[in-house]
Amino acid sequence: MIEETNKQKQTSSNPFGMKFSYNFLFNSDSGTHSGTEITSGVLKPTGTTGTWTSPAKEHSYNITTAYLKMIGEKIENVSISVSANNGDNYQSISNNNKIDFTATGQQLRIKAEITDSTSRIDSLSILYSDRAIIEEIASGASSGGQGESQVSGFSILDV
């Protein structure tokens, strides 16, 4: 779905060249629900409002940067926040925007707070980078190299 949208708009779902992703297509139930449910491929509130929190995604290095891509109906009534340290500190993130974490860590979590009973999330992806990329670039620059990190092909639907 995201790839098809990109083809139509001729844009990239990964404008900042993030190397990793945490994706939810809501084809199966996951995470912690408080007034939300996953049914028929969407995350939605069971009443007027609700909150969903993803399971933690483990990563080998400190996660430093995140980018949000969300598709659905009335998503302007959905607030997303992300945590790089297993939910100890959350930061707000807007759709199609990038943030730098003030509290880094190795366990990524996503929280969706839905404030409209008619809002639906079809898919949600957090693209992210870690400290290893920064260190690789710095290492390449200090050793006389080009200072560029090579990133292989990326599909937002890769898990």
Protein backbone atom coordinates (compact mmCIF):
# COMPACT_ATOMS: atom_id res chain seq x y z
CA MET A 1 0.00 0.00 0.00
CA ILE A 2 2.76 2.46 0.93
CA GLU A 3 4.80 1.50 -2.12
CA GLU A 4 1.77 2.07 -4.36
CA THR A 5 1.16 5.49 -2.79
CA ASN A 6 4.80 6.40 -3.45
CA LYS A 7 4.54 5.36 -7.09
CA GLN A 8 1.49 7.56 -7.54
CA LYS A 9 3.14 10.55 -5.86
CA GLN A 10 6.62 9.72 -7.19
CA THR A 11 8.07 10.30 -3.73
CA SER A 12 10.15 8.33 -1.30
CA SER A 13 8.86 6.80 1.92
CA ASN A 14 12.43 6.98 3.20
CA PRO A 15 13.48 10.58 2.49
CA PHE A 16 16.22 10.59 5.15
CA GLY A 17 17.79 7.28 4.10
CA MET A 18 17.01 5.49 7.36
CA LYS A 19 18.49 2.00 7.46
CA PHE A 20 15.99 0.20 9.71
CA SER A 21 12.20 0.00 10.06
CA TYR A 22 9.54 -1.16 12.50
CA ASN A 23 6.32 -1.82 10.58
CA PHE A 24 2.72 -2.55 11.48
CA LEU A 25 0.19 -3.53 8.83
CA PHE A 26 -2.29 -4.58 11.53
CA ASN A 27 -2.93 -7.97 9.93
CA SER A 28 -2.71 -9.60 13.35
CA ASP A 29 -3.20 -8.49 16.93
CA SER A 30 -0.12 -7.23 18.73
CA GLY A 31 0.86 -4.74 21.38
CA THR A 32 -0.99 -3.49 24.42
CA HIS A 33 -4.52 -2.13 24.06
CA SER A 34 -6.35 0.36 26.22
CA GLY A 35 -9.63 1.07 24.49
CA THR A 36 -8.33 -0.04 21.07
CA GLU A 37 -8.52 -3.13 18.89
CA ILE A 38 -7.02 -4.51 15.71
CA THR A 39 -9.69 -5.86 13.39
CA SER A 40 -10.05 -6.23 9.62
CA GLY A 41 -6.52 -4.91 9.10
CA VAL A 42 -6.93 -1.64 11.03
CA LEU A 43 -6.14 -0.27 14.46
CA LYS A 44 -9.13 1.62 15.85
CA PRO A 45 -10.63 2.71 19.16
CA THR A 46 -13.36 0.57 20.71
CA GLY A 47 -15.04 3.72 22.06
CA THR A 48 -14.44 7.44 21.73
CA THR A 49 -10.70 7.28 22.50
CA GLY A 50 -8.00 4.68 22.98
CA THR A 51 -4.28 4.02 23.28
CA TRP A 52 -2.18 1.29 21.68
CA THR A 53 1.45 0.56 22.53
CA SER A 54 3.65 -1.63 20.35
CA PRO A 55 5.81 -4.45 21.60
CA ALA A 56 9.46 -3.44 22.07
CA LYS A 57 11.77 -3.94 19.10
CA GLU A 58 15.31 -4.78 20.16
CA HIS A 59 18.23 -3.14 18.36
CA SER A 60 22.01 -3.68 18.69
CA TYR A 61 23.00 0.01 18.92
CA ASN A 62 21.50 3.15 20.41
CA ILE A 63 18.65 4.41 18.24
CA THR A 64 19.19 8.11 17.54
CA THR A 65 16.69 9.21 14.87
CA ALA A 66 13.16 8.25 13.80
CA TYR A 67 10.81 9.06 10.91
CA LEU A 68 7.05 8.32 10.93
CA LYS A 69 4.94 7.13 8.01
CA MET A 70 1.27 6.46 8.85
CA ILE A 71 -1.69 5.76 6.57
CA GLY A 72 -5.35 5.64 7.56
CA GLU A 73 -8.58 7.57 7.96
CA LYS A 74 -8.84 10.71 10.10
CA ILE A 75 -5.24 10.23 11.28
CA GLU A 76 -5.09 13.93 12.17
CA ASN A 77 -6.85 12.74 15.36
CA VAL A 78 -4.05 10.30 16.19
CA SER A 79 -1.02 11.33 18.26
CA ILE A 80 2.07 9.17 17.85
CA SER A 81 4.97 9.11 20.24
CA VAL A 82 8.08 6.94 20.10
CA SER A 83 10.59 5.75 22.64
CA ALA A 84 14.10 4.46 22.02
CA ASN A 85 14.49 3.24 25.62
CA ASN A 86 11.60 0.76 26.05
CA GLY A 87 9.01 3.38 26.99
CA ASP A 88 10.94 5.18 29.73
CA ASN A 89 10.88 8.41 27.67
CA TYR A 90 8.48 9.11 24.80
CA GLN A 91 8.76 11.89 22.21
CA SER A 92 5.96 13.11 19.97
CA ILE A 93 6.40 12.60 16.24
CA SER A 94 4.19 13.85 13.41
CA ASN A 95 3.39 11.94 10.24
CA ASN A 96 6.06 12.35 7.53
CA ASN A 97 8.45 13.99 10.00
CA LYS A 98 11.80 13.12 11.57
CA ILE A 99 12.94 13.50 15.16
CA ASP A 100 16.24 13.09 16.97
CA PHE A 101 15.88 11.23 20.24
CA THR A 102 16.88 13.15 23.37
CA ALA A 103 17.00 9.84 25.28
CA THR A 104 18.55 7.12 23.13
CA GLY A 105 18.37 3.41 23.77
CA GLN A 106 18.13 0.00 22.12
CA GLN A 107 14.43 -0.84 22.53
CA LEU A 108 12.01 0.94 20.20
CA ARG A 109 8.35 1.36 21.18
CA ILE A 110 5.49 3.22 19.51
CA LYS A 111 2.43 4.65 21.22
CA ALA A 112 -0.70 5.70 19.31
CA GLU A 113 -3.29 7.81 21.13
CA ILE A 114 -6.54 8.00 19.19
CA THR A 115 -8.98 10.80 20.09
CA ASP A 116 -11.75 10.24 17.51
CA SER A 117 -14.01 7.19 17.37
CA THR A 118 -13.90 7.25 13.54
CA SER A 119 -10.09 7.30 13.19
CA ARG A 120 -8.49 4.21 11.63
CA ILE A 121 -4.80 3.35 11.18
CA ASP A 122 -4.18 1.05 8.20
CA SER A 123 -0.40 0.97 8.50
CA LEU A 124 2.27 2.56 10.63
CA SER A 125 6.03 2.50 10.09
CA ILE A 126 8.88 3.98 12.07
CA LEU A 127 12.05 4.26 10.02
CA TYR A 128 15.09 4.73 12.22
CA SER A 129 18.86 5.10 12.38
CA ASP A 130 21.35 4.27 15.07
CA ARG A 131 24.64 5.46 16.48
CA ALA A 132 26.53 2.89 14.39
CA ILE A 133 25.85 4.87 11.18
CA ILE A 134 27.25 8.06 12.74
CA GLU A 135 30.32 6.17 13.96
CA GLU A 136 30.80 4.57 10.53
CA ILE A 137 30.66 7.94 8.81
CA ALA A 138 33.06 9.49 11.32
CA SER A 139 35.40 6.52 10.97
CA GLY A 140 35.39 6.80 7.17
CA ALA A 141 36.10 10.52 7.34
CA SER A 142 38.92 10.20 9.88
CA SER A 143 40.65 7.37 8.02
CA GLY A 144 40.89 9.41 4.83
CA GLY A 145 37.86 7.74 3.22
CA GLN A 146 34.92 9.45 1.64
CA GLY A 147 32.98 9.42 4.92
CA GLU A 148 29.94 7.91 3.24
CA SER A 149 27.94 4.98 4.49
CA GLN A 150 26.64 2.57 1.88
CA VAL A 151 23.06 1.50 2.53
CA SER A 152 21.54 -1.32 0.54
CA GLY A 153 18.08 -1.23 -1.05
CA PHE A 154 15.15 -0.63 1.27
CA SER A 155 11.50 -1.47 1.20
CA ILE A 156 9.20 0.03 3.81
CA LEU A 157 7.35 -3.26 3.99
CA ASP A 158 10.47 -5.21 5.03
CA VAL A 159 10.24 -6.32 8.64
